[in-house]
N, C-alpha and C. Protein backbone atom coordinates (compact mmCIF):
# COMPACT_ATOMS: atom_id res chain seq x y z
N TYR A 1 -12.76 -9.01 -18.88
CA TYR A 1 -11.97 -10.11 -19.30
C TYR A 1 -10.50 -9.79 -19.41
N SER A 2 -10.18 -8.52 -19.38
CA SER A 2 -8.76 -8.12 -19.56
C SER A 2 -7.87 -8.70 -18.49
N ASN A 3 -8.31 -8.74 -17.26
CA ASN A 3 -7.45 -9.22 -16.15
C ASN A 3 -7.54 -10.68 -15.91
N SER A 4 -8.37 -11.42 -16.69
CA SER A 4 -8.56 -12.85 -16.42
C SER A 4 -7.42 -13.71 -17.01
N THR A 5 -6.55 -13.15 -17.75
CA THR A 5 -5.40 -13.85 -18.34
C THR A 5 -4.26 -13.97 -17.29
N LYS A 6 -3.37 -14.92 -17.45
CA LYS A 6 -2.24 -15.04 -16.53
C LYS A 6 -1.06 -14.17 -16.97
N TYR A 7 -1.20 -13.38 -18.01
CA TYR A 7 -0.16 -12.50 -18.50
C TYR A 7 -0.61 -11.03 -18.32
N GLY A 8 0.36 -10.13 -18.36
CA GLY A 8 0.04 -8.69 -18.19
C GLY A 8 1.12 -7.81 -18.65
N LEU A 9 1.64 -8.00 -19.83
CA LEU A 9 2.73 -7.14 -20.33
C LEU A 9 2.27 -5.72 -20.65
N SER A 10 1.24 -5.60 -21.46
CA SER A 10 0.76 -4.26 -21.88
C SER A 10 -0.69 -4.31 -22.22
N SER A 11 -1.28 -3.13 -22.21
CA SER A 11 -2.67 -2.96 -22.63
C SER A 11 -2.82 -1.65 -23.42
N THR A 12 -3.84 -1.55 -24.20
CA THR A 12 -4.18 -0.27 -24.82
C THR A 12 -5.63 0.00 -24.53
N VAL A 13 -5.94 1.26 -24.38
CA VAL A 13 -7.30 1.70 -24.17
C VAL A 13 -7.58 2.79 -25.22
N TRP A 14 -8.67 2.59 -25.98
CA TRP A 14 -9.04 3.51 -27.06
C TRP A 14 -10.38 4.10 -26.71
N THR A 15 -10.44 5.38 -26.50
CA THR A 15 -11.72 6.07 -26.19
C THR A 15 -11.52 7.58 -26.41
N GLN A 16 -12.69 8.28 -26.47
CA GLN A 16 -12.66 9.74 -26.57
C GLN A 16 -12.62 10.35 -25.22
N SER A 17 -12.94 9.64 -24.17
CA SER A 17 -12.94 10.17 -22.79
C SER A 17 -11.62 9.79 -22.05
N THR A 18 -10.78 10.74 -21.95
CA THR A 18 -9.50 10.48 -21.30
C THR A 18 -9.71 10.20 -19.81
N SER A 19 -10.69 10.84 -19.22
CA SER A 19 -10.92 10.55 -17.74
C SER A 19 -11.37 9.14 -17.54
N LYS A 20 -12.26 8.63 -18.41
CA LYS A 20 -12.64 7.24 -18.28
C LYS A 20 -11.46 6.31 -18.54
N ALA A 21 -10.65 6.62 -19.52
CA ALA A 21 -9.53 5.81 -19.87
C ALA A 21 -8.51 5.74 -18.69
N GLN A 22 -8.27 6.83 -18.04
CA GLN A 22 -7.38 6.81 -16.86
C GLN A 22 -7.92 5.99 -15.74
N ARG A 23 -9.23 6.07 -15.45
CA ARG A 23 -9.83 5.23 -14.42
C ARG A 23 -9.73 3.75 -14.79
N PHE A 24 -10.01 3.44 -16.07
CA PHE A 24 -9.96 2.08 -16.52
C PHE A 24 -8.50 1.52 -16.47
N ALA A 25 -7.56 2.35 -16.86
CA ALA A 25 -6.16 1.99 -16.85
C ALA A 25 -5.65 1.63 -15.47
N GLN A 26 -6.18 2.32 -14.43
CA GLN A 26 -5.75 2.03 -13.05
C GLN A 26 -6.23 0.63 -12.63
N GLU A 27 -7.26 0.09 -13.26
CA GLU A 27 -7.79 -1.20 -12.90
C GLU A 27 -7.11 -2.34 -13.65
N LEU A 28 -6.46 -2.03 -14.74
CA LEU A 28 -5.83 -3.06 -15.59
C LEU A 28 -4.58 -3.63 -14.89
N GLU A 29 -4.44 -4.93 -14.97
CA GLU A 29 -3.24 -5.60 -14.42
C GLU A 29 -2.27 -5.75 -15.53
N ALA A 30 -1.51 -4.73 -15.83
CA ALA A 30 -0.54 -4.71 -16.91
C ALA A 30 0.63 -3.84 -16.57
N GLY A 31 1.80 -4.15 -17.13
CA GLY A 31 2.98 -3.39 -16.86
C GLY A 31 2.97 -2.04 -17.41
N ILE A 32 2.33 -1.85 -18.58
CA ILE A 32 2.21 -0.51 -19.18
C ILE A 32 0.86 -0.43 -19.85
N VAL A 33 0.22 0.70 -19.78
CA VAL A 33 -1.09 0.91 -20.43
C VAL A 33 -0.96 2.11 -21.33
N TRP A 34 -1.21 1.95 -22.63
CA TRP A 34 -1.21 3.05 -23.57
C TRP A 34 -2.66 3.53 -23.74
N ILE A 35 -2.85 4.83 -23.74
CA ILE A 35 -4.18 5.43 -23.92
C ILE A 35 -4.18 6.15 -25.33
N ASN A 36 -5.01 5.65 -26.21
CA ASN A 36 -5.16 6.23 -27.55
C ASN A 36 -3.81 6.29 -28.33
N CYS A 37 -2.93 5.35 -28.03
CA CYS A 37 -1.65 5.21 -28.77
C CYS A 37 -1.12 3.85 -28.51
N TRP A 38 0.05 3.54 -29.17
CA TRP A 38 0.67 2.20 -28.97
C TRP A 38 2.13 2.35 -29.22
N LEU A 39 2.94 1.74 -28.41
CA LEU A 39 4.39 1.74 -28.52
C LEU A 39 5.00 3.12 -28.36
N VAL A 40 4.39 4.03 -27.60
CA VAL A 40 4.93 5.33 -27.36
C VAL A 40 5.34 5.39 -25.90
N ARG A 41 6.62 5.57 -25.69
CA ARG A 41 7.09 5.69 -24.28
C ARG A 41 8.45 6.32 -24.28
N ASP A 42 8.72 6.94 -23.16
CA ASP A 42 10.03 7.54 -22.91
C ASP A 42 10.97 6.40 -22.44
N LEU A 43 12.07 6.20 -23.15
CA LEU A 43 12.95 5.10 -22.80
C LEU A 43 13.61 5.19 -21.42
N ARG A 44 13.46 6.34 -20.78
CA ARG A 44 14.03 6.51 -19.44
C ARG A 44 13.04 5.97 -18.40
N THR A 45 11.84 5.58 -18.77
CA THR A 45 10.93 5.13 -17.78
C THR A 45 10.96 3.57 -17.75
N PRO A 46 10.60 3.01 -16.61
CA PRO A 46 10.60 1.52 -16.48
C PRO A 46 9.62 0.84 -17.40
N PHE A 47 9.96 -0.33 -17.93
CA PHE A 47 9.06 -1.13 -18.73
C PHE A 47 9.20 -2.57 -18.36
N GLY A 48 8.11 -3.25 -18.16
CA GLY A 48 8.02 -4.64 -17.87
C GLY A 48 6.63 -5.11 -17.58
N GLY A 49 6.45 -6.44 -17.47
CA GLY A 49 5.14 -6.91 -17.32
C GLY A 49 4.83 -7.33 -15.89
N VAL A 50 3.58 -7.79 -15.67
CA VAL A 50 3.18 -8.28 -14.42
C VAL A 50 2.71 -9.71 -14.63
N LYS A 51 2.38 -10.39 -13.54
CA LYS A 51 1.97 -11.80 -13.56
C LYS A 51 3.05 -12.66 -14.22
N ASN A 52 2.73 -13.46 -15.22
CA ASN A 52 3.69 -14.31 -15.94
C ASN A 52 4.34 -13.66 -17.16
N SER A 53 4.37 -12.35 -17.20
CA SER A 53 4.94 -11.63 -18.37
C SER A 53 6.32 -11.14 -18.01
N GLY A 54 7.22 -11.96 -17.74
CA GLY A 54 8.59 -11.52 -17.55
C GLY A 54 8.94 -11.24 -16.07
N VAL A 55 10.17 -10.89 -15.85
CA VAL A 55 10.71 -10.66 -14.53
C VAL A 55 11.36 -9.26 -14.52
N GLY A 56 11.00 -8.50 -13.55
CA GLY A 56 11.70 -7.18 -13.33
C GLY A 56 11.25 -6.16 -14.32
N ARG A 57 12.01 -5.05 -14.36
CA ARG A 57 11.75 -3.90 -15.15
C ARG A 57 13.04 -3.57 -15.94
N GLU A 58 12.80 -3.08 -17.17
CA GLU A 58 13.92 -2.61 -17.98
C GLU A 58 13.69 -1.07 -18.09
N GLY A 59 14.81 -0.33 -18.14
CA GLY A 59 14.76 1.08 -18.26
C GLY A 59 14.51 1.76 -16.95
N GLY A 60 14.96 3.01 -16.89
CA GLY A 60 14.75 3.80 -15.66
C GLY A 60 15.60 3.29 -14.56
N PHE A 61 15.48 3.90 -13.37
CA PHE A 61 16.27 3.51 -12.22
C PHE A 61 15.90 2.17 -11.68
N ASN A 62 14.63 1.70 -11.90
CA ASN A 62 14.22 0.37 -11.45
C ASN A 62 15.16 -0.74 -12.05
N ALA A 63 15.66 -0.50 -13.19
CA ALA A 63 16.49 -1.55 -13.83
C ALA A 63 17.76 -1.76 -13.06
N PHE A 64 18.28 -0.73 -12.40
CA PHE A 64 19.47 -0.89 -11.62
C PHE A 64 19.33 -1.95 -10.59
N ASN A 65 18.19 -1.97 -9.91
CA ASN A 65 17.91 -2.95 -8.86
C ASN A 65 17.92 -4.39 -9.35
N PHE A 66 17.48 -4.53 -10.62
CA PHE A 66 17.35 -5.89 -11.19
C PHE A 66 18.67 -6.37 -11.86
N PHE A 67 19.36 -5.44 -12.56
CA PHE A 67 20.51 -5.87 -13.37
C PHE A 67 21.87 -5.56 -12.70
N THR A 68 21.86 -5.09 -11.45
CA THR A 68 23.09 -4.88 -10.74
C THR A 68 23.14 -5.61 -9.41
N GLU A 69 24.29 -5.80 -8.93
CA GLU A 69 24.52 -6.42 -7.58
C GLU A 69 25.42 -5.52 -6.83
N PRO A 70 24.87 -4.96 -5.77
CA PRO A 70 25.73 -4.00 -5.01
C PRO A 70 26.88 -4.71 -4.28
N THR A 71 28.01 -4.00 -4.29
CA THR A 71 29.19 -4.53 -3.59
C THR A 71 29.70 -3.48 -2.62
N ASN A 72 30.04 -3.89 -1.41
CA ASN A 72 30.64 -3.06 -0.44
C ASN A 72 32.12 -3.18 -0.46
N VAL A 73 32.82 -2.10 -0.73
CA VAL A 73 34.32 -2.12 -0.86
C VAL A 73 34.85 -1.26 0.33
N CYS A 74 35.76 -1.88 1.07
CA CYS A 74 36.34 -1.18 2.25
C CYS A 74 37.79 -1.05 2.05
N LEU A 75 38.35 0.11 2.33
CA LEU A 75 39.81 0.32 2.21
C LEU A 75 40.25 1.08 3.43
N LYS A 76 41.22 0.51 4.13
CA LYS A 76 41.78 1.16 5.37
C LYS A 76 42.84 2.15 4.85
N LEU A 77 42.73 3.39 5.25
CA LEU A 77 43.67 4.39 4.79
C LEU A 77 44.63 4.74 5.91
């Protein structure tokens, strides 16, 4: 039932088997999956949802693509 929703910001998996949790996490349609924890992340890594849970990613280098617009500047010397 986890993937049947139209949202996918985050998920948590609670189990004693980390190998099962990792396999299960790969199948989840979520922007971030916490295993045996919640709200723990390195702020340098991208964060964002999938499906109807927001647009783009915050944090990390992925944010540059979303929050910046490249400009080509030419100067004749």
